[in-house]
Amino acid sequence: MSDINKFMNILKIIMETESINFLLDNPEVDLREHGLTSIKFIQLSTLIEEAYGIVFSDLDLLFDSFCSVSKIMTMLSKYEVILN
């Protein structure tokens, strides 16, 4: 499975929606306005770590760093995971 497909599947699980294309087409949309809670943030970061074999540093595990697709992609690029 490609990295982008893994990411889309994770978003579907966490955001509990099938309209992931909207979020990918609008990467600046605030996920908190679409149901991302603090508990879902923990689930999201854990699933991303497991899917890509990375471990986020404590300094990177900030809710604001995961509040949009764009910010998540920026975070992943820091760990050399490129979604395309």
PDB file of N, CA and C in Angstrom:
ATOM      1  N   MET A   1       0.843  -1.176   0.000  1.00  0.00           N
ATOM      2  CA  MET A   1       0.000   0.000   0.000  1.00  0.00           C
ATOM      3  C   MET A   1       0.890   1.241   0.000  1.00  0.00           C
ATOM      4  N   SER A   2       0.529   2.214  -0.830  1.00  0.00           N
ATOM      5  CA  SER A   2       1.335   3.432  -0.912  1.00  0.00           C
ATOM      6  C   SER A   2       1.171   4.270   0.357  1.00  0.00           C
ATOM      7  N   ASP A   3       2.130   5.166   0.570  1.00  0.00           N
ATOM      8  CA  ASP A   3       2.094   6.012   1.763  1.00  0.00           C
ATOM      9  C   ASP A   3       0.836   6.873   1.809  1.00  0.00           C
ATOM     10  N   ILE A   4       0.421   7.416   0.656  1.00  0.00           N
ATOM     11  CA  ILE A   4      -0.776   8.263   0.648  1.00  0.00           C
ATOM     12  C   ILE A   4      -2.023   7.438   0.950  1.00  0.00           C
ATOM     13  N   ASN A   5      -2.082   6.202   0.460  1.00  0.00           N
ATOM     14  CA  ASN A   5      -3.237   5.348   0.758  1.00  0.00           C
ATOM     15  C   ASN A   5      -3.286   4.981   2.237  1.00  0.00           C
ATOM     16  N   LYS A   6      -2.122   4.730   2.835  1.00  0.00           N
ATOM     17  CA  LYS A   6      -2.077   4.475   4.281  1.00  0.00           C
ATOM     18  C   LYS A   6      -2.639   5.677   5.036  1.00  0.00           C
ATOM     19  N   PHE A   7      -2.187   6.853   4.626  1.00  0.00           N
ATOM     20  CA  PHE A   7      -2.615   8.083   5.279  1.00  0.00           C
ATOM     21  C   PHE A   7      -4.125   8.277   5.141  1.00  0.00           C
ATOM     22  N   MET A   8      -4.657   8.046   3.941  1.00  0.00           N
ATOM     23  CA  MET A   8      -6.093   8.184   3.710  1.00  0.00           C
ATOM     24  C   MET A   8      -6.879   7.208   4.582  1.00  0.00           C
ATOM     25  N   ASN A   9      -6.400   5.989   4.702  1.00  0.00           N
ATOM     26  CA  ASN A   9      -7.080   5.000   5.545  1.00  0.00           C
ATOM     27  C   ASN A   9      -7.068   5.412   7.013  1.00  0.00           C
ATOM     28  N   ILE A  10      -5.951   5.951   7.470  1.00  0.00           N
ATOM     29  CA  ILE A  10      -5.864   6.422   8.855  1.00  0.00           C
ATOM     30  C   ILE A  10      -6.870   7.552   9.083  1.00  0.00           C
ATOM     31  N   LEU A  11      -6.930   8.503   8.143  1.00  0.00           N
ATOM     32  CA  LEU A  11      -7.883   9.604   8.285  1.00  0.00           C
ATOM     33  C   LEU A  11      -9.321   9.097   8.310  1.00  0.00           C
ATOM     34  N   LYS A  12      -9.628   8.111   7.463  1.00  0.00           N
ATOM     35  CA  LYS A  12     -10.987   7.545   7.443  1.00  0.00           C
ATOM     36  C   LYS A  12     -11.347   6.949   8.795  1.00  0.00           C
ATOM     37  N   ILE A  13     -10.405   6.249   9.398  1.00  0.00           N
ATOM     38  CA  ILE A  13     -10.647   5.628  10.705  1.00  0.00           C
ATOM     39  C   ILE A  13     -10.857   6.694  11.776  1.00  0.00           C
ATOM     40  N   ILE A  14      -9.958   7.653  11.839  1.00  0.00           N
ATOM     41  CA  ILE A  14      -9.982   8.653  12.904  1.00  0.00           C
ATOM     42  C   ILE A  14     -11.108   9.664  12.717  1.00  0.00           C
ATOM     43  N   MET A  15     -11.276  10.146  11.508  1.00  0.00           N
ATOM     44  CA  MET A  15     -12.265  11.191  11.265  1.00  0.00           C
ATOM     45  C   MET A  15     -13.666  10.620  11.063  1.00  0.00           C
ATOM     46  N   GLU A  16     -13.775   9.302  10.973  1.00  0.00           N
ATOM     47  CA  GLU A  16     -15.064   8.624  10.832  1.00  0.00           C
ATOM     48  C   GLU A  16     -15.886   9.201   9.681  1.00  0.00           C
ATOM     49  N   THR A  17     -15.220   9.389   8.554  1.00  0.00           N
ATOM     50  CA  THR A  17     -15.894   9.933   7.383  1.00  0.00           C
ATOM     51  C   THR A  17     -15.329   9.311   6.126  1.00  0.00           C
ATOM     52  N   GLU A  18     -16.147   9.257   5.114  1.00  0.00           N
ATOM     53  CA  GLU A  18     -15.695   8.771   3.818  1.00  0.00           C
ATOM     54  C   GLU A  18     -15.258   9.930   2.920  1.00  0.00           C
ATOM     55  N   SER A  19     -15.513  11.166   3.330  1.00  0.00           N
ATOM     56  CA  SER A  19     -15.192  12.321   2.492  1.00  0.00           C
ATOM     57  C   SER A  19     -13.760  12.804   2.720  1.00  0.00           C
ATOM     58  N   ILE A  20     -12.843  11.860   2.695  1.00  0.00           N
ATOM     59  CA  ILE A  20     -11.427  12.171   2.902  1.00  0.00           C
ATOM     60  C   ILE A  20     -10.886  13.014   1.752  1.00  0.00           C
ATOM     61  N   ASN A  21     -11.422  12.820   0.544  1.00  0.00           N
ATOM     62  CA  ASN A  21     -10.943  13.602  -0.598  1.00  0.00           C
ATOM     63  C   ASN A  21     -11.121  15.095  -0.353  1.00  0.00           C
ATOM     64  N   PHE A  22     -12.209  15.486   0.326  1.00  0.00           N
ATOM     65  CA  PHE A  22     -12.413  16.897   0.665  1.00  0.00           C
ATOM     66  C   PHE A  22     -11.261  17.400   1.523  1.00  0.00           C
ATOM     67  N   LEU A  23     -10.879  16.605   2.522  1.00  0.00           N
ATOM     68  CA  LEU A  23      -9.787  17.011   3.412  1.00  0.00           C
ATOM     69  C   LEU A  23      -8.459  17.060   2.670  1.00  0.00           C
ATOM     70  N   LEU A  24      -8.243  16.122   1.747  1.00  0.00           N
ATOM     71  CA  LEU A  24      -6.997  16.118   0.978  1.00  0.00           C
ATOM     72  C   LEU A  24      -6.969  17.252  -0.039  1.00  0.00           C
ATOM     73  N   ASP A  25      -8.144  17.579  -0.612  1.00  0.00           N
ATOM     74  CA  ASP A  25      -8.221  18.676  -1.578  1.00  0.00           C
ATOM     75  C   ASP A  25      -8.146  20.041  -0.902  1.00  0.00           C
ATOM     76  N   ASN A  26      -8.416  20.071   0.383  1.00  0.00           N
ATOM     77  CA  ASN A  26      -8.395  21.312   1.165  1.00  0.00           C
ATOM     78  C   ASN A  26      -7.502  21.107   2.388  1.00  0.00           C
ATOM     79  N   PRO A  27      -6.194  20.977   2.163  1.00  0.00           N
ATOM     80  CA  PRO A  27      -5.289  20.570   3.247  1.00  0.00           C
ATOM     81  C   PRO A  27      -5.167  21.558   4.406  1.00  0.00           C
ATOM     82  N   GLU A  28      -5.647  22.786   4.228  1.00  0.00           N
ATOM     83  CA  GLU A  28      -5.561  23.781   5.304  1.00  0.00           C
ATOM     84  C   GLU A  28      -6.783  23.748   6.226  1.00  0.00           C
ATOM     85  N   VAL A  29      -7.798  22.959   5.872  1.00  0.00           N
ATOM     86  CA  VAL A  29      -9.012  22.872   6.689  1.00  0.00           C
ATOM     87  C   VAL A  29      -8.650  22.371   8.084  1.00  0.00           C
ATOM     88  N   ASP A  30      -9.189  23.029   9.088  1.00  0.00           N
ATOM     89  CA  ASP A  30      -8.923  22.660  10.479  1.00  0.00           C
ATOM     90  C   ASP A  30      -9.699  21.388  10.815  1.00  0.00           C
ATOM     91  N   LEU A  31      -8.976  20.321  11.088  1.00  0.00           N
ATOM     92  CA  LEU A  31      -9.606  19.031  11.380  1.00  0.00           C
ATOM     93  C   LEU A  31     -10.422  19.070  12.666  1.00  0.00           C
ATOM     94  N   ARG A  32     -10.108  20.001  13.548  1.00  0.00           N
ATOM     95  CA  ARG A  32     -10.882  20.138  14.789  1.00  0.00           C
ATOM     96  C   ARG A  32     -12.319  20.544  14.488  1.00  0.00           C
ATOM     97  N   GLU A  33     -12.518  21.259  13.387  1.00  0.00           N
ATOM     98  CA  GLU A  33     -13.868  21.657  12.976  1.00  0.00           C
ATOM     99  C   GLU A  33     -14.617  20.501  12.324  1.00  0.00           C
ATOM    100  N   HIS A  34     -13.904  19.415  12.057  1.00  0.00           N
ATOM    101  CA  HIS A  34     -14.506  18.236  11.430  1.00  0.00           C
ATOM    102  C   HIS A  34     -14.435  17.020  12.343  1.00  0.00           C
ATOM    103  N   GLY A  35     -14.292  17.257  13.638  1.00  0.00           N
ATOM    104  CA  GLY A  35     -14.404  16.169  14.601  1.00  0.00           C
ATOM    105  C   GLY A  35     -13.131  15.674  15.257  1.00  0.00           C
ATOM    106  N   LEU A  36     -11.985  16.299  14.959  1.00  0.00           N
ATOM    107  CA  LEU A  36     -10.750  15.861  15.614  1.00  0.00           C
ATOM    108  C   LEU A  36     -10.742  16.350  17.060  1.00  0.00           C
ATOM    109  N   THR A  37     -10.757  15.410  17.984  1.00  0.00           N
ATOM    110  CA  THR A  37     -10.725  15.721  19.415  1.00  0.00           C
ATOM    111  C   THR A  37      -9.352  15.354  19.962  1.00  0.00           C
ATOM    112  N   SER A  38      -9.118  15.653  21.215  1.00  0.00           N
ATOM    113  CA  SER A  38      -7.826  15.315  21.814  1.00  0.00           C
ATOM    114  C   SER A  38      -7.615  13.800  21.849  1.00  0.00           C
ATOM    115  N   ILE A  39      -8.663  13.049  22.077  1.00  0.00           N
ATOM    116  CA  ILE A  39      -8.529  11.585  22.089  1.00  0.00           C
ATOM    117  C   ILE A  39      -8.245  11.068  20.685  1.00  0.00           C
ATOM    118  N   LYS A  40      -8.949  11.615  19.694  1.00  0.00           N
ATOM    119  CA  LYS A  40      -8.692  11.203  18.309  1.00  0.00           C
ATOM    120  C   LYS A  40      -7.290  11.615  17.870  1.00  0.00           C
ATOM    121  N   PHE A  41      -6.788  12.732  18.396  1.00  0.00           N
ATOM    122  CA  PHE A  41      -5.419  13.159  18.097  1.00  0.00           C
ATOM    123  C   PHE A  41      -4.415  12.104  18.563  1.00  0.00           C
ATOM    124  N   ILE A  42      -4.609  11.582  19.763  1.00  0.00           N
ATOM    125  CA  ILE A  42      -3.717  10.535  20.279  1.00  0.00           C
ATOM    126  C   ILE A  42      -3.807   9.298  19.392  1.00  0.00           C
ATOM    127  N   GLN A  43      -5.023   8.926  19.010  1.00  0.00           N
ATOM    128  CA  GLN A  43      -5.201   7.769  18.128  1.00  0.00           C
ATOM    129  C   GLN A  43      -4.537   8.023  16.779  1.00  0.00           C
ATOM    130  N   LEU A  44      -4.717   9.219  16.237  1.00  0.00           N
ATOM    131  CA  LEU A  44      -4.130   9.584  14.951  1.00  0.00           C
ATOM    132  C   LEU A  44      -2.612   9.491  14.994  1.00  0.00           C
ATOM    133  N   SER A  45      -2.001  10.096  16.000  1.00  0.00           N
ATOM    134  CA  SER A  45      -0.536  10.074  16.079  1.00  0.00           C
ATOM    135  C   SER A  45      -0.020   8.649  16.266  1.00  0.00           C
ATOM    136  N   THR A  46      -0.722   7.840  17.040  1.00  0.00           N
ATOM    137  CA  THR A  46      -0.307   6.448  17.252  1.00  0.00           C
ATOM    138  C   THR A  46      -0.421   5.638  15.970  1.00  0.00           C
ATOM    139  N   LEU A  47      -1.528   5.785  15.253  1.00  0.00           N
ATOM    140  CA  LEU A  47      -1.698   5.049  13.996  1.00  0.00           C
ATOM    141  C   LEU A  47      -0.661   5.467  12.959  1.00  0.00           C
ATOM    142  N   ILE A  48      -0.348   6.746  12.909  1.00  0.00           N
ATOM    143  CA  ILE A  48       0.679   7.220  11.971  1.00  0.00           C
ATOM    144  C   ILE A  48       2.036   6.624  12.334  1.00  0.00           C
ATOM    145  N   GLU A  49       2.377   6.636  13.611  1.00  0.00           N
ATOM    146  CA  GLU A  49       3.653   6.047  14.038  1.00  0.00           C
ATOM    147  C   GLU A  49       3.729   4.576  13.641  1.00  0.00           C
ATOM    148  N   GLU A  50       2.663   3.838  13.879  1.00  0.00           N
ATOM    149  CA  GLU A  50       2.653   2.407  13.551  1.00  0.00           C
ATOM    150  C   GLU A  50       2.716   2.176  12.044  1.00  0.00           C
ATOM    151  N   ALA A  51       1.974   2.962  11.279  1.00  0.00           N
ATOM    152  CA  ALA A  51       1.911   2.768   9.826  1.00  0.00           C
ATOM    153  C   ALA A  51       3.232   3.071   9.134  1.00  0.00           C
ATOM    154  N   TYR A  52       3.950   4.070   9.636  1.00  0.00           N
ATOM    155  CA  TYR A  52       5.175   4.506   8.964  1.00  0.00           C
ATOM    156  C   TYR A  52       6.451   4.123   9.703  1.00  0.00           C
ATOM    157  N   GLY A  53       6.316   3.423  10.813  1.00  0.00           N
ATOM    158  CA  GLY A  53       7.490   2.972  11.550  1.00  0.00           C
ATOM    159  C   GLY A  53       8.322   4.107  12.113  1.00  0.00           C
ATOM    160  N   ILE A  54       7.648   5.135  12.598  1.00  0.00           N
ATOM    161  CA  ILE A  54       8.352   6.278  13.179  1.00  0.00           C
ATOM    162  C   ILE A  54       7.898   6.462  14.627  1.00  0.00           C
ATOM    163  N   VAL A  55       8.649   7.273  15.357  1.00  0.00           N
ATOM    164  CA  VAL A  55       8.265   7.650  16.720  1.00  0.00           C
ATOM    165  C   VAL A  55       8.402   9.164  16.805  1.00  0.00           C
ATOM    166  N   PHE A  56       7.284   9.839  17.033  1.00  0.00           N
ATOM    167  CA  PHE A  56       7.326  11.288  17.157  1.00  0.00           C
ATOM    168  C   PHE A  56       8.029  11.675  18.449  1.00  0.00           C
ATOM    169  N   SER A  57       8.832  12.723  18.372  1.00  0.00           N
ATOM    170  CA  SER A  57       9.450  13.233  19.600  1.00  0.00           C
ATOM    171  C   SER A  57       8.357  13.900  20.432  1.00  0.00           C
ATOM    172  N   ASP A  58       8.580  13.973  21.723  1.00  0.00           N
ATOM    173  CA  ASP A  58       7.603  14.603  22.613  1.00  0.00           C
ATOM    174  C   ASP A  58       7.325  16.047  22.196  1.00  0.00           C
ATOM    175  N   LEU A  59       8.340  16.732  21.698  1.00  0.00           N
ATOM    176  CA  LEU A  59       8.175  18.123  21.282  1.00  0.00           C
ATOM    177  C   LEU A  59       7.273  18.264  20.062  1.00  0.00           C
ATOM    178  N   ASP A  60       7.193  17.208  19.250  1.00  0.00           N
ATOM    179  CA  ASP A  60       6.356  17.243  18.052  1.00  0.00           C
ATOM    180  C   ASP A  60       4.915  16.827  18.322  1.00  0.00           C
ATOM    181  N   LEU A  61       4.670  16.222  19.454  1.00  0.00           N
ATOM    182  CA  LEU A  61       3.322  15.732  19.765  1.00  0.00           C
ATOM    183  C   LEU A  61       2.449  16.842  20.350  1.00  0.00           C
ATOM    184  N   LEU A  62       2.200  17.828  19.520  1.00  0.00           N
ATOM    185  CA  LEU A  62       1.338  18.945  19.891  1.00  0.00           C
ATOM    186  C   LEU A  62       0.076  18.884  19.046  1.00  0.00           C
ATOM    187  N   PHE A  63      -1.066  19.065  19.674  1.00  0.00           N
ATOM    188  CA  PHE A  63      -2.351  19.008  18.979  1.00  0.00           C
ATOM    189  C   PHE A  63      -2.353  19.937  17.765  1.00  0.00           C
ATOM    190  N   ASP A  64      -1.807  21.139  17.927  1.00  0.00           N
ATOM    191  CA  ASP A  64      -1.780  22.101  16.825  1.00  0.00           C
ATOM    192  C   ASP A  64      -0.950  21.624  15.635  1.00  0.00           C
ATOM    193  N   SER A  65      -0.009  20.735  15.856  1.00  0.00           N
ATOM    194  CA  SER A  65       0.826  20.221  14.765  1.00  0.00           C
ATOM    195  C   SER A  65       0.100  19.184  13.920  1.00  0.00           C
ATOM    196  N   PHE A  66      -1.062  18.749  14.369  1.00  0.00           N
ATOM    197  CA  PHE A  66      -1.819  17.711  13.674  1.00  0.00           C
ATOM    198  C   PHE A  66      -3.234  18.184  13.320  1.00  0.00           C
ATOM    199  N   CYS A  67      -3.472  19.493  13.323  1.00  0.00           N
ATOM    200  CA  CYS A  67      -4.840  19.984  13.160  1.00  0.00           C
ATOM    201  C   CYS A  67      -5.258  20.213  11.712  1.00  0.00           C
ATOM    202  N   SER A  68      -4.382  19.929  10.752  1.00  0.00           N
ATOM    203  CA  SER A  68      -4.766  19.987   9.340  1.00  0.00           C
ATOM    204  C   SER A  68      -3.926  18.973   8.570  1.00  0.00           C
ATOM    205  N   VAL A  69      -4.428  18.594   7.412  1.00  0.00           N
ATOM    206  CA  VAL A  69      -3.686  17.653   6.572  1.00  0.00           C
ATOM    207  C   VAL A  69      -2.333  18.252   6.211  1.00  0.00           C
ATOM    208  N   SER A  70      -2.317  19.537   5.914  1.00  0.00           N
ATOM    209  CA  SER A  70      -1.066  20.210   5.564  1.00  0.00           C
ATOM    210  C   SER A  70      -0.041  20.130   6.693  1.00  0.00           C
ATOM    211  N   LYS A  71      -0.489  20.375   7.922  1.00  0.00           N
ATOM    212  CA  LYS A  71       0.430  20.319   9.066  1.00  0.00           C
ATOM    213  C   LYS A  71       0.914  18.895   9.326  1.00  0.00           C
ATOM    214  N   ILE A  72       0.042  17.926   9.120  1.00  0.00           N
ATOM    215  CA  ILE A  72       0.452  16.528   9.299  1.00  0.00           C
ATOM    216  C   ILE A  72       1.490  16.159   8.253  1.00  0.00           C
ATOM    217  N   MET A  73       1.278  16.589   7.007  1.00  0.00           N
ATOM    218  CA  MET A  73       2.236  16.285   5.944  1.00  0.00           C
ATOM    219  C   MET A  73       3.589  16.939   6.225  1.00  0.00           C
ATOM    220  N   THR A  74       3.563  18.160   6.749  1.00  0.00           N
ATOM    221  CA  THR A  74       4.807  18.838   7.124  1.00  0.00           C
ATOM    222  C   THR A  74       5.518  18.062   8.222  1.00  0.00           C
ATOM    223  N   MET A  75       4.741  17.620   9.209  1.00  0.00           N
ATOM    224  CA  MET A  75       5.313  16.839  10.312  1.00  0.00           C
ATOM    225  C   MET A  75       5.931  15.544   9.780  1.00  0.00           C
ATOM    226  N   LEU A  76       5.212  14.858   8.898  1.00  0.00           N
ATOM    227  CA  LEU A  76       5.724  13.594   8.366  1.00  0.00           C
ATOM    228  C   LEU A  76       6.991  13.802   7.546  1.00  0.00           C
ATOM    229  N   SER A  77       7.069  14.909   6.817  1.00  0.00           N
ATOM    230  CA  SER A  77       8.278  15.156   6.019  1.00  0.00           C
ATOM    231  C   SER A  77       9.499  15.330   6.914  1.00  0.00           C
ATOM    232  N   LYS A  78       9.279  15.821   8.125  1.00  0.00           N
ATOM    233  CA  LYS A  78      10.361  15.939   9.108  1.00  0.00           C
ATOM    234  C   LYS A  78      10.949  14.569   9.450  1.00  0.00           C
ATOM    235  N   TYR A  79      10.111  13.554   9.346  1.00  0.00           N
ATOM    236  CA  TYR A  79      10.521  12.179   9.643  1.00  0.00           C
ATOM    237  C   TYR A  79      10.769  11.388   8.355  1.00  0.00           C
ATOM    238  N   GLU A  80      10.950  12.145   7.259  1.00  0.00           N
ATOM    239  CA  GLU A  80      11.286  11.589   5.952  1.00  0.00           C
ATOM    240  C   GLU A  80      10.206  10.681   5.386  1.00  0.00           C
ATOM    241  N   VAL A  81       8.954  10.959   5.741  1.00  0.00           N
ATOM    242  CA  VAL A  81       7.813  10.283   5.127  1.00  0.00           C
ATOM    243  C   VAL A  81       7.191  11.301   4.184  1.00  0.00           C
ATOM    244  N   ILE A  82       7.215  11.001   2.894  1.00  0.00           N
ATOM    245  CA  ILE A  82       6.686  11.911   1.887  1.00  0.00           C
ATOM    246  C   ILE A  82       5.414  11.303   1.311  1.00  0.00           C
ATOM    247  N   LEU A  83       4.323  12.047   1.411  1.00  0.00           N
ATOM    248  CA  LEU A  83       3.047  11.591   0.868  1.00  0.00           C
ATOM    249  C   LEU A  83       2.857  12.215  -0.502  1.00  0.00           C
ATOM    250  N   ASN A  84       2.733  11.362  -1.504  1.00  0.00           N
ATOM    251  CA  ASN A  84       2.465  11.880  -2.856  1.00  0.00           C
ATOM    252  C   ASN A  84       1.658  10.903  -3.642  1.00  0.00           C
TER     253      ASN A  84
END
